Amino acid sequence: MISAVHRRIVSTKAEWRADPSRRALPALAEPIPWPAPVPIPISFGRISVSTNARVYRFRQIAQLRPWSPVRILCNERRAEDDGLWYAIEDLYLLLQAGPAPAALPPLRLIDLRHPRL
């Protein structure tokens, strides 16, 4: 079972360039409000978690460990028929397997943002 918090901002090219707040999502305040766990496999936009707790975005980017929270940041640029769209995704994952520890370890950040977007 996995708990996940997924946030995403989608902007037009003009919005992305004009408003710096559209290019970043501030971290959630500690403690993170983890929702009820759901079964895996599961997908969030272009990020997916397999049944063996591996996280993929075009390739494997992480192996989740029980009760070790992970934050994944990524951005993308996509051309559609109606123009150019920019997005930023922020995903918090917590694999819940076995007995829960008294306290969670520090959040591990995986930053996949492309610096030139």
C-alpha atoms as a PDB file:
ATOM      1  CA  MET A   1       0.000   0.000   0.000  1.00  0.00           C
ATOM      2  CA  ILE A   2       1.162   3.502  -0.756  1.00  0.00           C
ATOM      3  CA  SER A   3       0.173   6.985   0.394  1.00  0.00           C
ATOM      4  CA  ALA A   4       0.665   9.729  -2.165  1.00  0.00           C
ATOM      5  CA  VAL A   5       0.192  13.469  -2.433  1.00  0.00           C
ATOM      6  CA  HIS A   6       0.261  14.698  -6.050  1.00  0.00           C
ATOM      7  CA  ARG A   7       0.303  18.360  -7.071  1.00  0.00           C
ATOM      8  CA  ARG A   8       0.545  19.704 -10.620  1.00  0.00           C
ATOM      9  CA  ILE A   9       0.494  23.145 -12.251  1.00  0.00           C
ATOM     10  CA  VAL A  10      -0.135  23.411 -16.002  1.00  0.00           C
ATOM     11  CA  SER A  11       0.525  26.739 -17.729  1.00  0.00           C
ATOM     12  CA  THR A  12       0.585  28.250 -21.169  1.00  0.00           C
ATOM     13  CA  LYS A  13       3.945  29.490 -22.425  1.00  0.00           C
ATOM     14  CA  ALA A  14       2.958  33.102 -21.661  1.00  0.00           C
ATOM     15  CA  GLU A  15       1.884  32.256 -18.089  1.00  0.00           C
ATOM     16  CA  TRP A  16       5.079  30.240 -17.493  1.00  0.00           C
ATOM     17  CA  ARG A  17       7.327  33.074 -18.692  1.00  0.00           C
ATOM     18  CA  ALA A  18       5.437  35.937 -16.962  1.00  0.00           C
ATOM     19  CA  ASP A  19       4.723  34.424 -13.534  1.00  0.00           C
ATOM     20  CA  PRO A  20       7.653  32.815 -11.637  1.00  0.00           C
ATOM     21  CA  SER A  21       5.209  31.209  -9.175  1.00  0.00           C
ATOM     22  CA  ARG A  22       4.034  28.935 -12.053  1.00  0.00           C
ATOM     23  CA  ARG A  23       7.533  27.369 -12.250  1.00  0.00           C
ATOM     24  CA  ALA A  24       7.891  26.090  -8.685  1.00  0.00           C
ATOM     25  CA  LEU A  25       5.854  24.452  -5.974  1.00  0.00           C
ATOM     26  CA  PRO A  26       6.905  25.095  -2.382  1.00  0.00           C
ATOM     27  CA  ALA A  27       7.453  22.019  -0.240  1.00  0.00           C
ATOM     28  CA  LEU A  28       4.578  20.854   1.918  1.00  0.00           C
ATOM     29  CA  ALA A  29       4.832  21.764   5.575  1.00  0.00           C
ATOM     30  CA  GLU A  30       6.011  19.057   7.956  1.00  0.00           C
ATOM     31  CA  PRO A  31       4.414  16.813   9.054  1.00  0.00           C
ATOM     32  CA  ILE A  32       3.073  15.874   5.646  1.00  0.00           C
ATOM     33  CA  PRO A  33      -0.661  15.092   5.740  1.00  0.00           C
ATOM     34  CA  TRP A  34      -0.431  11.558   4.309  1.00  0.00           C
ATOM     35  CA  PRO A  35      -3.775  10.362   2.903  1.00  0.00           C
ATOM     36  CA  ALA A  36      -5.147   6.848   3.310  1.00  0.00           C
ATOM     37  CA  PRO A  37      -2.983   4.299   1.480  1.00  0.00           C
ATOM     38  CA  VAL A  38      -4.060   2.794  -1.838  1.00  0.00           C
ATOM     39  CA  PRO A  39      -2.858  -0.417  -3.533  1.00  0.00           C
ATOM     40  CA  ILE A  40      -0.035  -0.362  -6.075  1.00  0.00           C
ATOM     41  CA  PRO A  41       0.569  -0.308  -9.077  1.00  0.00           C
ATOM     42  CA  ILE A  42      -0.565   3.286  -9.512  1.00  0.00           C
ATOM     43  CA  SER A  43       0.153   6.223 -11.873  1.00  0.00           C
ATOM     44  CA  PHE A  44       0.314   9.982 -11.380  1.00  0.00           C
ATOM     45  CA  GLY A  45       0.616  11.790 -14.703  1.00  0.00           C
ATOM     46  CA  ARG A  46       3.853  10.505 -16.257  1.00  0.00           C
ATOM     47  CA  ILE A  47       5.121   8.970 -13.014  1.00  0.00           C
ATOM     48  CA  SER A  48       4.135   5.422 -12.115  1.00  0.00           C
ATOM     49  CA  VAL A  49       4.808   3.038  -9.238  1.00  0.00           C
ATOM     50  CA  SER A  50       5.046  -0.675 -10.076  1.00  0.00           C
ATOM     51  CA  THR A  51       3.896  -3.569  -7.895  1.00  0.00           C
ATOM     52  CA  ASN A  52       7.482  -4.053  -6.643  1.00  0.00           C
ATOM     53  CA  ALA A  53       7.617  -0.378  -5.437  1.00  0.00           C
ATOM     54  CA  ARG A  54       9.826   0.896  -8.256  1.00  0.00           C
ATOM     55  CA  VAL A  55       9.130   4.432  -9.453  1.00  0.00           C
ATOM     56  CA  TYR A  56       9.317   5.149 -13.193  1.00  0.00           C
ATOM     57  CA  ARG A  57       9.274   8.221 -15.410  1.00  0.00           C
ATOM     58  CA  PHE A  58      10.437   6.960 -18.826  1.00  0.00           C
ATOM     59  CA  ARG A  59      12.996   4.905 -16.829  1.00  0.00           C
ATOM     60  CA  GLN A  60      13.367   3.752 -13.243  1.00  0.00           C
ATOM     61  CA  ILE A  61      14.135   6.708 -10.978  1.00  0.00           C
ATOM     62  CA  ALA A  62      13.700   5.234  -7.489  1.00  0.00           C
ATOM     63  CA  GLN A  63      13.118   2.127  -5.423  1.00  0.00           C
ATOM     64  CA  LEU A  64      10.788   2.873  -2.529  1.00  0.00           C
ATOM     65  CA  ARG A  65      11.651   1.575   0.933  1.00  0.00           C
ATOM     66  CA  PRO A  66       9.009   1.012   3.612  1.00  0.00           C
ATOM     67  CA  TRP A  67       8.279   4.091   5.715  1.00  0.00           C
ATOM     68  CA  SER A  68      10.917   6.192   3.930  1.00  0.00           C
ATOM     69  CA  PRO A  69       9.173   9.233   2.341  1.00  0.00           C
ATOM     70  CA  VAL A  70      10.227  10.480  -1.088  1.00  0.00           C
ATOM     71  CA  ARG A  71       9.478  13.745  -2.909  1.00  0.00           C
ATOM     72  CA  ILE A  72       9.785  13.805  -6.713  1.00  0.00           C
ATOM     73  CA  LEU A  73       9.882  17.107  -8.600  1.00  0.00           C
ATOM     74  CA  CYS A  74       9.755  17.255 -12.392  1.00  0.00           C
ATOM     75  CA  ASN A  75       8.804  19.671 -15.133  1.00  0.00           C
ATOM     76  CA  GLU A  76       7.954  19.251 -18.789  1.00  0.00           C
ATOM     77  CA  ARG A  77       7.186  21.152 -21.957  1.00  0.00           C
ATOM     78  CA  ARG A  78       4.617  19.755 -24.372  1.00  0.00           C
ATOM     79  CA  ALA A  79       3.420  20.974 -27.764  1.00  0.00           C
ATOM     80  CA  GLU A  80      -0.283  20.454 -28.410  1.00  0.00           C
ATOM     81  CA  ASP A  81      -2.572  21.568 -31.224  1.00  0.00           C
ATOM     82  CA  ASP A  82      -3.619  24.568 -29.133  1.00  0.00           C
ATOM     83  CA  GLY A  83      -0.085  25.744 -28.289  1.00  0.00           C
ATOM     84  CA  LEU A  84       2.875  25.107 -26.035  1.00  0.00           C
ATOM     85  CA  TRP A  85       2.164  23.959 -22.472  1.00  0.00           C
ATOM     86  CA  TYR A  86       4.478  23.830 -19.464  1.00  0.00           C
ATOM     87  CA  ALA A  87       3.873  21.768 -16.337  1.00  0.00           C
ATOM     88  CA  ILE A  88       5.492  21.141 -12.993  1.00  0.00           C
ATOM     89  CA  GLU A  89       4.670  18.069 -10.914  1.00  0.00           C
ATOM     90  CA  ASP A  90       5.306  17.498  -7.241  1.00  0.00           C
ATOM     91  CA  LEU A  91       4.749  14.006  -5.874  1.00  0.00           C
ATOM     92  CA  TYR A  92       5.177  12.754  -2.313  1.00  0.00           C
ATOM     93  CA  LEU A  93       5.266   8.967  -1.837  1.00  0.00           C
ATOM     94  CA  LEU A  94       5.268   6.812   1.294  1.00  0.00           C
ATOM     95  CA  LEU A  95       5.371   3.018   1.005  1.00  0.00           C
ATOM     96  CA  GLN A  96       3.480   1.541   3.941  1.00  0.00           C
ATOM     97  CA  ALA A  97       4.644  -2.018   4.571  1.00  0.00           C
ATOM     98  CA  GLY A  98       5.262  -3.681   7.899  1.00  0.00           C
ATOM     99  CA  PRO A  99       4.962  -1.992  11.270  1.00  0.00           C
ATOM    100  CA  ALA A 100       5.135   1.800  11.296  1.00  0.00           C
ATOM    101  CA  PRO A 101       8.202   3.327  12.970  1.00  0.00           C
ATOM    102  CA  ALA A 102       7.898   5.809  15.830  1.00  0.00           C
ATOM    103  CA  ALA A 103       9.171   8.579  13.535  1.00  0.00           C
ATOM    104  CA  LEU A 104       9.723   8.833   9.784  1.00  0.00           C
ATOM    105  CA  PRO A 105      13.229   9.518   8.431  1.00  0.00           C
ATOM    106  CA  PRO A 106      13.897  12.801   6.599  1.00  0.00           C
ATOM    107  CA  LEU A 107      12.235  13.260   3.243  1.00  0.00           C
ATOM    108  CA  ARG A 108      14.418  12.229   0.279  1.00  0.00           C
ATOM    109  CA  LEU A 109      14.219  14.628  -2.699  1.00  0.00           C
ATOM    110  CA  ILE A 110      14.538  13.466  -6.313  1.00  0.00           C
ATOM    111  CA  ASP A 111      14.737  16.582  -8.482  1.00  0.00           C
ATOM    112  CA  LEU A 112      14.124  15.827 -12.168  1.00  0.00           C
ATOM    113  CA  ARG A 113      13.460  19.395 -13.266  1.00  0.00           C
ATOM    114  CA  HIS A 114      15.125  20.487 -16.475  1.00  0.00           C
ATOM    115  CA  PRO A 115      16.954  23.751 -15.713  1.00  0.00           C
ATOM    116  CA  ARG A 116      16.375  25.334 -19.125  1.00  0.00           C
ATOM    117  CA  LEU A 117      12.560  25.229 -19.090  1.00  0.00           C
END
